[in-house]
PDB file of N, CA and C in Angstrom:
ATOM      1  N   MET A   1     -51.444 -60.037   3.483  1.00  0.00           N
ATOM      2  CA  MET A   1     -51.509 -59.085   4.581  1.00  0.00           C
ATOM      3  C   MET A   1     -50.379 -59.409   5.537  1.00  0.00           C
ATOM      4  N   SER A   2     -49.567 -58.410   5.843  1.00  0.00           N
ATOM      5  CA  SER A   2     -48.487 -58.604   6.800  1.00  0.00           C
ATOM      6  C   SER A   2     -48.900 -58.008   8.142  1.00  0.00           C
ATOM      7  N   ALA A   3     -48.035 -58.129   9.122  1.00  0.00           N
ATOM      8  CA  ALA A   3     -48.313 -57.552  10.440  1.00  0.00           C
ATOM      9  C   ALA A   3     -48.410 -56.028  10.360  1.00  0.00           C
ATOM     10  N   LYS A   4     -47.809 -55.432   9.331  1.00  0.00           N
ATOM     11  CA  LYS A   4     -47.853 -53.973   9.158  1.00  0.00           C
ATOM     12  C   LYS A   4     -49.085 -53.519   8.390  1.00  0.00           C
ATOM     13  N   GLY A   5     -49.734 -54.433   7.675  1.00  0.00           N
ATOM     14  CA  GLY A   5     -50.913 -54.076   6.904  1.00  0.00           C
ATOM     15  C   GLY A   5     -50.877 -54.635   5.507  1.00  0.00           C
ATOM     16  N   VAL A   6     -51.472 -53.875   4.565  1.00  0.00           N
ATOM     17  CA  VAL A   6     -51.538 -54.281   3.163  1.00  0.00           C
ATOM     18  C   VAL A   6     -50.914 -53.181   2.326  1.00  0.00           C
ATOM     19  N   TRP A   7     -50.066 -53.595   1.375  1.00  0.00           N
ATOM     20  CA  TRP A   7     -49.347 -52.647   0.528  1.00  0.00           C
ATOM     21  C   TRP A   7     -49.675 -52.929  -0.928  1.00  0.00           C
ATOM     22  N   PHE A   8     -49.737 -51.880  -1.736  1.00  0.00           N
ATOM     23  CA  PHE A   8     -50.007 -51.987  -3.163  1.00  0.00           C
ATOM     24  C   PHE A   8     -48.767 -51.539  -3.922  1.00  0.00           C
ATOM     25  N   ARG A   9     -48.423 -52.292  -4.958  1.00  0.00           N
ATOM     26  CA  ARG A   9     -47.269 -51.920  -5.762  1.00  0.00           C
ATOM     27  C   ARG A   9     -47.668 -51.909  -7.234  1.00  0.00           C
ATOM     28  N   GLN A  10     -47.637 -50.724  -7.820  1.00  0.00           N
ATOM     29  CA  GLN A  10     -47.861 -50.575  -9.262  1.00  0.00           C
ATOM     30  C   GLN A  10     -46.561 -50.929  -9.962  1.00  0.00           C
ATOM     31  N   ASP A  11     -46.614 -51.451 -11.162  1.00  0.00           N
ATOM     32  CA  ASP A  11     -45.414 -51.850 -11.899  1.00  0.00           C
ATOM     33  C   ASP A  11     -44.312 -50.805 -11.797  1.00  0.00           C
ATOM     34  N   GLY A  12     -43.160 -51.208 -11.259  1.00  0.00           N
ATOM     35  CA  GLY A  12     -41.994 -50.347 -11.185  1.00  0.00           C
ATOM     36  C   GLY A  12     -42.028 -49.267 -10.133  1.00  0.00           C
ATOM     37  N   SER A  13     -43.082 -49.185  -9.358  1.00  0.00           N
ATOM     38  CA  SER A  13     -43.168 -48.134  -8.335  1.00  0.00           C
ATOM     39  C   SER A  13     -42.874 -48.715  -6.956  1.00  0.00           C
ATOM     40  N   ASP A  14     -42.626 -47.821  -6.018  1.00  0.00           N
ATOM     41  CA  ASP A  14     -42.458 -48.242  -4.630  1.00  0.00           C
ATOM     42  C   ASP A  14     -43.821 -48.645  -4.077  1.00  0.00           C
ATOM     43  N   PRO A  15     -43.869 -49.625  -3.182  1.00  0.00           N
ATOM     44  CA  PRO A  15     -45.158 -50.008  -2.599  1.00  0.00           C
ATOM     45  C   PRO A  15     -45.727 -48.884  -1.728  1.00  0.00           C
ATOM     46  N   VAL A  16     -47.046 -48.766  -1.728  1.00  0.00           N
ATOM     47  CA  VAL A  16     -47.724 -47.775  -0.894  1.00  0.00           C
ATOM     48  C   VAL A  16     -48.723 -48.497   0.008  1.00  0.00           C
ATOM     49  N   PRO A  17     -48.898 -48.003   1.236  1.00  0.00           N
ATOM     50  CA  PRO A  17     -49.845 -48.671   2.148  1.00  0.00           C
ATOM     51  C   PRO A  17     -51.289 -48.351   1.782  1.00  0.00           C
ATOM     52  N   VAL A  18     -52.123 -49.392   1.699  1.00  0.00           N
ATOM     53  CA  VAL A  18     -53.552 -49.200   1.499  1.00  0.00           C
ATOM     54  C   VAL A  18     -54.327 -49.541   2.775  1.00  0.00           C
ATOM     55  N   PHE A  19     -53.661 -50.230   3.690  1.00  0.00           N
ATOM     56  CA  PHE A  19     -54.213 -50.510   5.024  1.00  0.00           C
ATOM     57  C   PHE A  19     -53.037 -50.598   5.988  1.00  0.00           C
ATOM     58  N   LYS A  20     -53.089 -49.777   7.024  1.00  0.00           N
ATOM     59  CA  LYS A  20     -52.038 -49.789   8.039  1.00  0.00           C
ATOM     60  C   LYS A  20     -52.597 -50.440   9.303  1.00  0.00           C
ATOM     61  N   ALA A  21     -52.079 -51.595   9.640  1.00  0.00           N
ATOM     62  CA  ALA A  21     -52.550 -52.307  10.831  1.00  0.00           C
ATOM     63  C   ALA A  21     -52.310 -51.456  12.070  1.00  0.00           C
ATOM     64  N   GLY A  22     -53.285 -51.434  12.950  1.00  0.00           N
ATOM     65  CA  GLY A  22     -53.150 -50.733  14.216  1.00  0.00           C
ATOM     66  C   GLY A  22     -53.537 -49.268  14.194  1.00  0.00           C
ATOM     67  N   GLU A  23     -53.857 -48.711  13.029  1.00  0.00           N
ATOM     68  CA  GLU A  23     -54.274 -47.310  12.968  1.00  0.00           C
ATOM     69  C   GLU A  23     -55.654 -47.157  13.602  1.00  0.00           C
ATOM     70  N   LYS A  24     -55.859 -46.046  14.270  1.00  0.00           N
ATOM     71  CA  LYS A  24     -57.135 -45.764  14.924  1.00  0.00           C
ATOM     72  C   LYS A  24     -58.091 -45.072  13.968  1.00  0.00           C
ATOM     73  N   ALA A  25     -59.389 -45.184  14.222  1.00  0.00           N
ATOM     74  CA  ALA A  25     -60.405 -44.512  13.421  1.00  0.00           C
ATOM     75  C   ALA A  25     -60.085 -43.025  13.352  1.00  0.00           C
ATOM     76  N   GLY A  26     -60.165 -42.475  12.145  1.00  0.00           N
ATOM     77  CA  GLY A  26     -59.873 -41.060  11.925  1.00  0.00           C
ATOM     78  C   GLY A  26     -58.477 -40.810  11.374  1.00  0.00           C
ATOM     79  N   ALA A  27     -57.587 -41.794  11.472  1.00  0.00           N
ATOM     80  CA  ALA A  27     -56.231 -41.633  10.935  1.00  0.00           C
ATOM     81  C   ALA A  27     -56.294 -41.504   9.416  1.00  0.00           C
ATOM     82  N   THR A  28     -55.437 -40.662   8.839  1.00  0.00           N
ATOM     83  CA  THR A  28     -55.384 -40.500   7.391  1.00  0.00           C
ATOM     84  C   THR A  28     -53.934 -40.516   6.909  1.00  0.00           C
ATOM     85  N   TRP A  29     -53.745 -40.873   5.650  1.00  0.00           N
ATOM     86  CA  TRP A  29     -52.442 -40.773   5.000  1.00  0.00           C
ATOM     87  C   TRP A  29     -52.672 -40.671   3.500  1.00  0.00           C
ATOM     88  N   GLU A  30     -51.637 -40.225   2.793  1.00  0.00           N
ATOM     89  CA  GLU A  30     -51.715 -40.096   1.341  1.00  0.00           C
ATOM     90  C   GLU A  30     -50.665 -40.961   0.675  1.00  0.00           C
ATOM     91  N   ALA A  31     -50.959 -41.397  -0.527  1.00  0.00           N
ATOM     92  CA  ALA A  31     -50.012 -42.154  -1.337  1.00  0.00           C
ATOM     93  C   ALA A  31     -50.103 -41.621  -2.759  1.00  0.00           C
ATOM     94  N   VAL A  32     -48.954 -41.548  -3.424  1.00  0.00           N
ATOM     95  CA  VAL A  32     -48.906 -41.078  -4.800  1.00  0.00           C
ATOM     96  C   VAL A  32     -48.143 -42.097  -5.625  1.00  0.00           C
ATOM     97  N   TRP A  33     -48.651 -42.429  -6.816  1.00  0.00           N
ATOM     98  CA  TRP A  33     -47.921 -43.290  -7.728  1.00  0.00           C
ATOM     99  C   TRP A  33     -48.238 -42.860  -9.151  1.00  0.00           C
ATOM    100  N   ASN A  34     -47.419 -43.298 -10.078  1.00  0.00           N
ATOM    101  CA  ASN A  34     -47.566 -42.943 -11.489  1.00  0.00           C
ATOM    102  C   ASN A  34     -47.920 -44.166 -12.314  1.00  0.00           C
ATOM    103  N   GLU A  35     -48.781 -43.935 -13.288  1.00  0.00           N
ATOM    104  CA  GLU A  35     -49.126 -44.966 -14.265  1.00  0.00           C
ATOM    105  C   GLU A  35     -49.012 -44.305 -15.626  1.00  0.00           C
ATOM    106  N   GLY A  36     -47.956 -44.637 -16.348  1.00  0.00           N
ATOM    107  CA  GLY A  36     -47.714 -43.966 -17.622  1.00  0.00           C
ATOM    108  C   GLY A  36     -47.481 -42.493 -17.377  1.00  0.00           C
ATOM    109  N   ARG A  37     -48.258 -41.653 -18.016  1.00  0.00           N
ATOM    110  CA  ARG A  37     -48.131 -40.198 -17.823  1.00  0.00           C
ATOM    111  C   ARG A  37     -49.042 -39.674 -16.727  1.00  0.00           C
ATOM    112  N   ALA A  38     -49.904 -40.522 -16.208  1.00  0.00           N
ATOM    113  CA  ALA A  38     -50.872 -40.084 -15.196  1.00  0.00           C
ATOM    114  C   ALA A  38     -50.315 -40.272 -13.788  1.00  0.00           C
ATOM    115  N   GLU A  39     -50.549 -39.281 -12.951  1.00  0.00           N
ATOM    116  CA  GLU A  39     -50.185 -39.396 -11.536  1.00  0.00           C
ATOM    117  C   GLU A  39     -51.468 -39.570 -10.734  1.00  0.00           C
ATOM    118  N   TRP A  40     -51.446 -40.510  -9.823  1.00  0.00           N
ATOM    119  CA  TRP A  40     -52.589 -40.803  -8.969  1.00  0.00           C
ATOM    120  C   TRP A  40     -52.237 -40.413  -7.540  1.00  0.00           C
ATOM    121  N   LYS A  41     -53.136 -39.711  -6.883  1.00  0.00           N
ATOM    122  CA  LYS A  41     -52.964 -39.380  -5.466  1.00  0.00           C
ATOM    123  C   LYS A  41     -54.182 -39.942  -4.739  1.00  0.00           C
ATOM    124  N   THR A  42     -53.924 -40.738  -3.735  1.00  0.00           N
ATOM    125  CA  THR A  42     -55.011 -41.345  -2.974  1.00  0.00           C
ATOM    126  C   THR A  42     -54.898 -40.939  -1.516  1.00  0.00           C
ATOM    127  N   THR A  43     -56.004 -40.488  -0.952  1.00  0.00           N
ATOM    128  CA  THR A  43     -56.080 -40.169   0.471  1.00  0.00           C
ATOM    129  C   THR A  43     -56.905 -41.257   1.138  1.00  0.00           C
ATOM    130  N   TYR A  44     -56.315 -41.899   2.143  1.00  0.00           N
ATOM    131  CA  TYR A  44     -56.951 -42.988   2.888  1.00  0.00           C
ATOM    132  C   TYR A  44     -57.394 -42.480   4.250  1.00  0.00           C
ATOM    133  N   THR A  45     -58.578 -42.905   4.697  1.00  0.00           N
ATOM    134  CA  THR A  45     -59.078 -42.553   6.031  1.00  0.00           C
ATOM    135  C   THR A  45     -59.605 -43.820   6.696  1.00  0.00           C
ATOM    136  N   VAL A  46     -59.103 -44.091   7.893  1.00  0.00           N
ATOM    137  CA  VAL A  46     -59.516 -45.278   8.646  1.00  0.00           C
ATOM    138  C   VAL A  46     -60.839 -45.001   9.348  1.00  0.00           C
ATOM    139  N   GLY A  47     -61.745 -45.949   9.233  1.00  0.00           N
ATOM    140  CA  GLY A  47     -63.023 -45.863   9.924  1.00  0.00           C
ATOM    141  C   GLY A  47     -63.061 -46.839  11.084  1.00  0.00           C
ATOM    142  N   ASP A  48     -64.238 -47.156  11.512  1.00  0.00           N
ATOM    143  CA  ASP A  48     -64.427 -48.067  12.637  1.00  0.00           C
ATOM    144  C   ASP A  48     -64.296 -49.519  12.218  1.00  0.00           C
ATOM    145  N   GLU A  49     -64.086 -50.367  13.192  1.00  0.00           N
ATOM    146  CA  GLU A  49     -64.161 -51.804  12.951  1.00  0.00           C
ATOM    147  C   GLU A  49     -65.631 -52.175  13.010  1.00  0.00           C
ATOM    148  N   GLU A  50     -66.056 -53.029  12.084  1.00  0.00           N
ATOM    149  CA  GLU A  50     -67.462 -53.427  12.042  1.00  0.00           C
ATOM    150  C   GLU A  50     -67.574 -54.838  11.479  1.00  0.00           C
ATOM    151  N   GLU A  51     -68.718 -55.441  11.702  1.00  0.00           N
ATOM    152  CA  GLU A  51     -68.945 -56.774  11.147  1.00  0.00           C
ATOM    153  C   GLU A  51     -69.379 -56.634   9.689  1.00  0.00           C
ATOM    154  N   VAL A  52     -68.717 -57.411   8.829  1.00  0.00           N
ATOM    155  CA  VAL A  52     -69.011 -57.401   7.400  1.00  0.00           C
ATOM    156  C   VAL A  52     -69.397 -58.817   6.999  1.00  0.00           C
ATOM    157  N   GLU A  53     -70.512 -58.939   6.289  1.00  0.00           N
ATOM    158  CA  GLU A  53     -70.917 -60.249   5.804  1.00  0.00           C
ATOM    159  C   GLU A  53     -70.750 -60.298   4.293  1.00  0.00           C
ATOM    160  N   VAL A  54     -69.994 -61.275   3.836  1.00  0.00           N
ATOM    161  CA  VAL A  54     -69.740 -61.504   2.412  1.00  0.00           C
ATOM    162  C   VAL A  54     -69.963 -62.991   2.139  1.00  0.00           C
ATOM    163  N   PRO A  55     -69.957 -63.432   0.874  1.00  0.00           N
ATOM    164  CA  PRO A  55     -70.193 -64.856   0.602  1.00  0.00           C
ATOM    165  C   PRO A  55     -69.260 -65.801   1.364  1.00  0.00           C
ATOM    166  N   ALA A  56     -68.046 -65.343   1.704  1.00  0.00           N
ATOM    167  CA  ALA A  56     -67.097 -66.208   2.433  1.00  0.00           C
ATOM    168  C   ALA A  56     -67.405 -66.290   3.926  1.00  0.00           C
ATOM    169  N   GLY A  57     -68.348 -65.466   4.416  1.00  0.00           N
ATOM    170  CA  GLY A  57     -68.715 -65.501   5.827  1.00  0.00           C
ATOM    171  C   GLY A  57     -68.759 -64.123   6.448  1.00  0.00           C
ATOM    172  N   LYS A  58     -68.756 -64.095   7.789  1.00  0.00           N
ATOM    173  CA  LYS A  58     -68.783 -62.839   8.542  1.00  0.00           C
ATOM    174  C   LYS A  58     -67.394 -62.567   9.089  1.00  0.00           C
ATOM    175  N   PHE A  59     -66.979 -61.300   9.013  1.00  0.00           N
ATOM    176  CA  PHE A  59     -65.659 -60.886   9.479  1.00  0.00           C
ATOM    177  C   PHE A  59     -65.762 -59.605  10.287  1.00  0.00           C
ATOM    178  N   GLN A  60     -64.960 -59.481  11.329  1.00  0.00           N
ATOM    179  CA  GLN A  60     -64.750 -58.201  11.994  1.00  0.00           C
ATOM    180  C   GLN A  60     -63.669 -57.509  11.175  1.00  0.00           C
ATOM    181  N   ALA A  61     -64.012 -56.391  10.566  1.00  0.00           N
ATOM    182  CA  ALA A  61     -63.103 -55.752   9.629  1.00  0.00           C
ATOM    183  C   ALA A  61     -63.056 -54.243   9.851  1.00  0.00           C
ATOM    184  N   VAL A  62     -61.918 -53.655   9.529  1.00  0.00           N
ATOM    185  CA  VAL A  62     -61.719 -52.213   9.644  1.00  0.00           C
ATOM    186  C   VAL A  62     -62.070 -51.575   8.307  1.00  0.00           C
ATOM    187  N   ARG A  63     -62.920 -50.545   8.358  1.00  0.00           N
ATOM    188  CA  ARG A  63     -63.322 -49.817   7.156  1.00  0.00           C
ATOM    189  C   ARG A  63     -62.253 -48.783   6.813  1.00  0.00           C
ATOM    190  N   VAL A  64     -61.830 -48.741   5.541  1.00  0.00           N
ATOM    191  CA  VAL A  64     -60.880 -47.742   5.062  1.00  0.00           C
ATOM    192  C   VAL A  64     -61.482 -47.091   3.827  1.00  0.00           C
ATOM    193  N   SER A  65     -61.734 -45.786   3.912  1.00  0.00           N
ATOM    194  CA  SER A  65     -62.256 -45.038   2.769  1.00  0.00           C
ATOM    195  C   SER A  65     -61.088 -44.443   2.007  1.00  0.00           C
ATOM    196  N   ARG A  66     -61.231 -44.354   0.682  1.00  0.00           N
ATOM    197  CA  ARG A  66     -60.179 -43.740  -0.113  1.00  0.00           C
ATOM    198  C   ARG A  66     -60.790 -42.808  -1.147  1.00  0.00           C
ATOM    199  N   VAL A  67     -60.097 -41.701  -1.370  1.00  0.00           N
ATOM    200  CA  VAL A  67     -60.471 -40.733  -2.387  1.00  0.00           C
ATOM    201  C   VAL A  67     -59.300 -40.658  -3.346  1.00  0.00           C
ATOM    202  N   ILE A  68     -59.568 -40.914  -4.621  1.00  0.00           N
ATOM    203  CA  ILE A  68     -58.511 -40.982  -5.628  1.00  0.00           C
ATOM    204  C   ILE A  68     -58.662 -39.807  -6.586  1.00  0.00           C
ATOM    205  N   ASP A  69     -57.579 -39.070  -6.778  1.00  0.00           N
ATOM    206  CA  ASP A  69     -57.523 -37.992  -7.762  1.00  0.00           C
ATOM    207  C   ASP A  69     -56.439 -38.342  -8.765  1.00  0.00           C
ATOM    208  N   GLY A  70     -56.732 -38.126 -10.052  1.00  0.00           N
ATOM    209  CA  GLY A  70     -55.713 -38.349 -11.070  1.00  0.00           C
ATOM    210  C   GLY A  70     -56.144 -39.359 -12.098  1.00  0.00           C
ATOM    211  N   GLY A  71     -55.311 -39.521 -13.111  1.00  0.00           N
ATOM    212  CA  GLY A  71     -55.593 -40.484 -14.164  1.00  0.00           C
ATOM    213  C   GLY A  71     -56.922 -40.213 -14.851  1.00  0.00           C
ATOM    214  N   GLY A  72     -57.337 -38.940 -14.883  1.00  0.00           N
ATOM    215  CA  GLY A  72     -58.604 -38.599 -15.509  1.00  0.00           C
ATOM    216  C   GLY A  72     -59.796 -38.746 -14.581  1.00  0.00           C
ATOM    217  N   LEU A  73     -59.557 -39.145 -13.336  1.00  0.00           N
ATOM    218  CA  LEU A  73     -60.642 -39.300 -12.362  1.00  0.00           C
ATOM    219  C   LEU A  73     -60.497 -38.255 -11.278  1.00  0.00           C
ATOM    220  N   LYS A  74     -61.513 -37.492 -11.038  1.00  0.00           N
ATOM    221  CA  LYS A  74     -61.493 -36.512  -9.959  1.00  0.00           C
ATOM    222  C   LYS A  74     -62.442 -36.990  -8.882  1.00  0.00           C
ATOM    223  N   GLN A  75     -61.920 -37.129  -7.694  1.00  0.00           N
ATOM    224  CA  GLN A  75     -62.728 -37.516  -6.538  1.00  0.00           C
ATOM    225  C   GLN A  75     -63.412 -38.865  -6.711  1.00  0.00           C
ATOM    226  N   GLN A  76     -62.667 -39.852  -7.193  1.00  0.00           N
ATOM    227  CA  GLN A  76     -63.158 -41.233  -7.202  1.00  0.00           C
ATOM    228  C   GLN A  76     -63.173 -41.709  -5.754  1.00  0.00           C
ATOM    229  N   ARG A  77     -64.282 -42.200  -5.287  1.00  0.00           N
ATOM    230  CA  ARG A  77     -64.395 -42.647  -3.899  1.00  0.00           C
ATOM    231  C   ARG A  77     -64.607 -44.151  -3.838  1.00  0.00           C
ATOM    232  N   ALA A  78     -63.986 -44.758  -2.847  1.00  0.00           N
ATOM    233  CA  ALA A  78     -64.133 -46.194  -2.650  1.00  0.00           C
ATOM    234  C   ALA A  78     -63.996 -46.500  -1.162  1.00  0.00           C
ATOM    235  N   THR A  79     -64.531 -47.627  -0.754  1.00  0.00           N
ATOM    236  CA  THR A  79     -64.405 -48.087   0.623  1.00  0.00           C
ATOM    237  C   THR A  79     -64.015 -49.555   0.596  1.00  0.00           C
ATOM    238  N   ASP A  80     -63.033 -49.894   1.428  1.00  0.00           N
ATOM    239  CA  ASP A  80     -62.574 -51.275   1.565  1.00  0.00           C
ATOM    240  C   ASP A  80     -62.679 -51.673   3.022  1.00  0.00           C
ATOM    241  N   TRP A  81     -62.863 -52.960   3.267  1.00  0.00           N
ATOM    242  CA  TRP A  81     -62.871 -53.501   4.625  1.00  0.00           C
ATOM    243  C   TRP A  81     -61.770 -54.549   4.724  1.00  0.00           C
ATOM    244  N   TYR A  82     -60.929 -54.414   5.746  1.00  0.00           N
ATOM    245  CA  TYR A  82     -59.793 -55.318   5.959  1.00  0.00           C
ATOM    246  C   TYR A  82     -59.971 -56.071   7.271  1.00  0.00           C
ATOM    247  N   ALA A  83     -59.901 -57.396   7.197  1.00  0.00           N
ATOM    248  CA  ALA A  83     -60.009 -58.248   8.382  1.00  0.00           C
ATOM    249  C   ALA A  83     -58.602 -58.673   8.796  1.00  0.00           C
ATOM    250  N   PRO A  84     -58.259 -58.491  10.072  1.00  0.00           N
ATOM    251  CA  PRO A  84     -56.935 -58.894  10.559  1.00  0.00           C
ATOM    252  C   PRO A  84     -56.651 -60.359  10.234  1.00  0.00           C
ATOM    253  N   GLY A  85     -55.459 -60.615   9.725  1.00  0.00           N
ATOM    254  CA  GLY A  85     -55.050 -61.970   9.398  1.00  0.00           C
ATOM    255  C   GLY A  85     -55.626 -62.512   8.104  1.00  0.00           C
ATOM    256  N   VAL A  86     -56.510 -61.730   7.459  1.00  0.00           N
ATOM    257  CA  VAL A  86     -57.156 -62.182   6.234  1.00  0.00           C
ATOM    258  C   VAL A  86     -56.793 -61.262   5.064  1.00  0.00           C
ATOM    259  N   GLY A  87     -56.976 -59.967   5.251  1.00  0.00           N
ATOM    260  CA  GLY A  87     -56.772 -58.994   4.182  1.00  0.00           C
ATOM    261  C   GLY A  87     -58.089 -58.356   3.803  1.00  0.00           C
ATOM    262  N   ARG A  88     -58.154 -57.848   2.579  1.00  0.00           N
ATOM    263  CA  ARG A  88     -59.370 -57.173   2.135  1.00  0.00           C
ATOM    264  C   ARG A  88     -60.477 -58.200   1.918  1.00  0.00           C
ATOM    265  N   VAL A  89     -61.628 -57.957   2.568  1.00  0.00           N
ATOM    266  CA  VAL A  89     -62.755 -58.886   2.442  1.00  0.00           C
ATOM    267  C   VAL A  89     -63.925 -58.281   1.665  1.00  0.00           C
ATOM    268  N   LYS A  90     -63.905 -56.954   1.495  1.00  0.00           N
ATOM    269  CA  LYS A  90     -64.985 -56.306   0.753  1.00  0.00           C
ATOM    270  C   LYS A  90     -64.462 -54.994   0.192  1.00  0.00           C
ATOM    271  N   SER A  91     -64.959 -54.633  -0.999  1.00  0.00           N
ATOM    272  CA  SER A  91     -64.580 -53.373  -1.629  1.00  0.00           C
ATOM    273  C   SER A  91     -65.763 -52.819  -2.392  1.00  0.00           C
ATOM    274  N   VAL A  92     -66.035 -51.520  -2.226  1.00  0.00           N
ATOM    275  CA  VAL A  92     -67.134 -50.857  -2.921  1.00  0.00           C
ATOM    276  C   VAL A  92     -66.595 -49.583  -3.554  1.00  0.00           C
ATOM    277  N   ASN A  93     -66.716 -49.461  -4.884  1.00  0.00           N
ATOM    278  CA  ASN A  93     -66.322 -48.248  -5.599  1.00  0.00           C
ATOM    279  C   ASN A  93     -67.577 -47.451  -5.912  1.00  0.00           C
ATOM    280  N   VAL A  94     -67.468 -46.124  -5.786  1.00  0.00           N
ATOM    281  CA  VAL A  94     -68.616 -45.260  -6.030  1.00  0.00           C
ATOM    282  C   VAL A  94     -68.250 -44.253  -7.115  1.00  0.00           C
ATOM    283  N   GLY A  95     -68.922 -44.323  -8.247  1.00  0.00           N
ATOM    284  CA  GLY A  95     -68.709 -43.354  -9.324  1.00  0.00           C
ATOM    285  C   GLY A  95     -67.367 -43.483 -10.010  1.00  0.00           C
ATOM    286  N   GLY A  96     -67.223 -42.828 -11.155  1.00  0.00           N
ATOM    287  CA  GLY A  96     -65.967 -42.844 -11.889  1.00  0.00           C
ATOM    288  C   GLY A  96     -65.606 -44.235 -12.369  1.00  0.00           C
ATOM    289  N   ARG A  97     -64.377 -44.379 -12.799  1.00  0.00           N
ATOM    290  CA  ARG A  97     -63.888 -45.662 -13.281  1.00  0.00           C
ATOM    291  C   ARG A  97     -62.445 -45.807 -12.850  1.00  0.00           C
ATOM    292  N   LEU A  98     -62.101 -46.900 -12.243  1.00  0.00           N
ATOM    293  CA  LEU A  98     -60.726 -47.161 -11.836  1.00  0.00           C
ATOM    294  C   LEU A  98     -60.076 -48.046 -12.882  1.00  0.00           C
ATOM    295  N   SER A  99     -59.110 -47.499 -13.600  1.00  0.00           N
ATOM    296  CA  SER A  99     -58.436 -48.324 -14.591  1.00  0.00           C
ATOM    297  C   SER A  99     -57.316 -49.111 -13.953  1.00  0.00           C
ATOM    298  N   SER A 100     -56.866 -48.687 -12.782  1.00  0.00           N
ATOM    299  CA  SER A 100     -55.801 -49.388 -12.094  1.00  0.00           C
ATOM    300  C   SER A 100     -55.969 -49.202 -10.585  1.00  0.00           C
ATOM    301  N   PRO A 101     -56.950 -49.886  -9.979  1.00  0.00           N
ATOM    302  CA  PRO A 101     -57.260 -49.661  -8.567  1.00  0.00           C
ATOM    303  C   PRO A 101     -56.243 -50.259  -7.621  1.00  0.00           C
ATOM    304  N   PRO A 102     -56.023 -49.605  -6.469  1.00  0.00           N
ATOM    305  CA  PRO A 102     -55.230 -50.238  -5.422  1.00  0.00           C
ATOM    306  C   PRO A 102     -55.947 -51.479  -4.927  1.00  0.00           C
ATOM    307  N   SER A 103     -55.233 -52.470  -4.544  1.00  0.00           N
ATOM    308  CA  SER A 103     -55.880 -53.666  -3.987  1.00  0.00           C
ATOM    309  C   SER A 103     -55.091 -54.212  -2.833  1.00  0.00           C
TER     310      SER A 103
END
């Protein structure tokens, strides 16, 4: 995790932001990348900061929801929580199958 956030890079592609540090709740952005012949489009939406408890402990983390279209998946939904200075501390995927998830 850098001061700008967290970026995902698929083999040979430009990095895309999966968490933008400092974004306010309600902010959204899109990222597109290719995997083989499949194109993936992900829409990210920033939620509130909340306390998250995981086996590593409790963290104040920002919730980021993502909707993924492409690669044979329509409307794959997932939610990640990012703790400042730590990175992603929790991730929940709902439905579908991610063969190459952003992380």
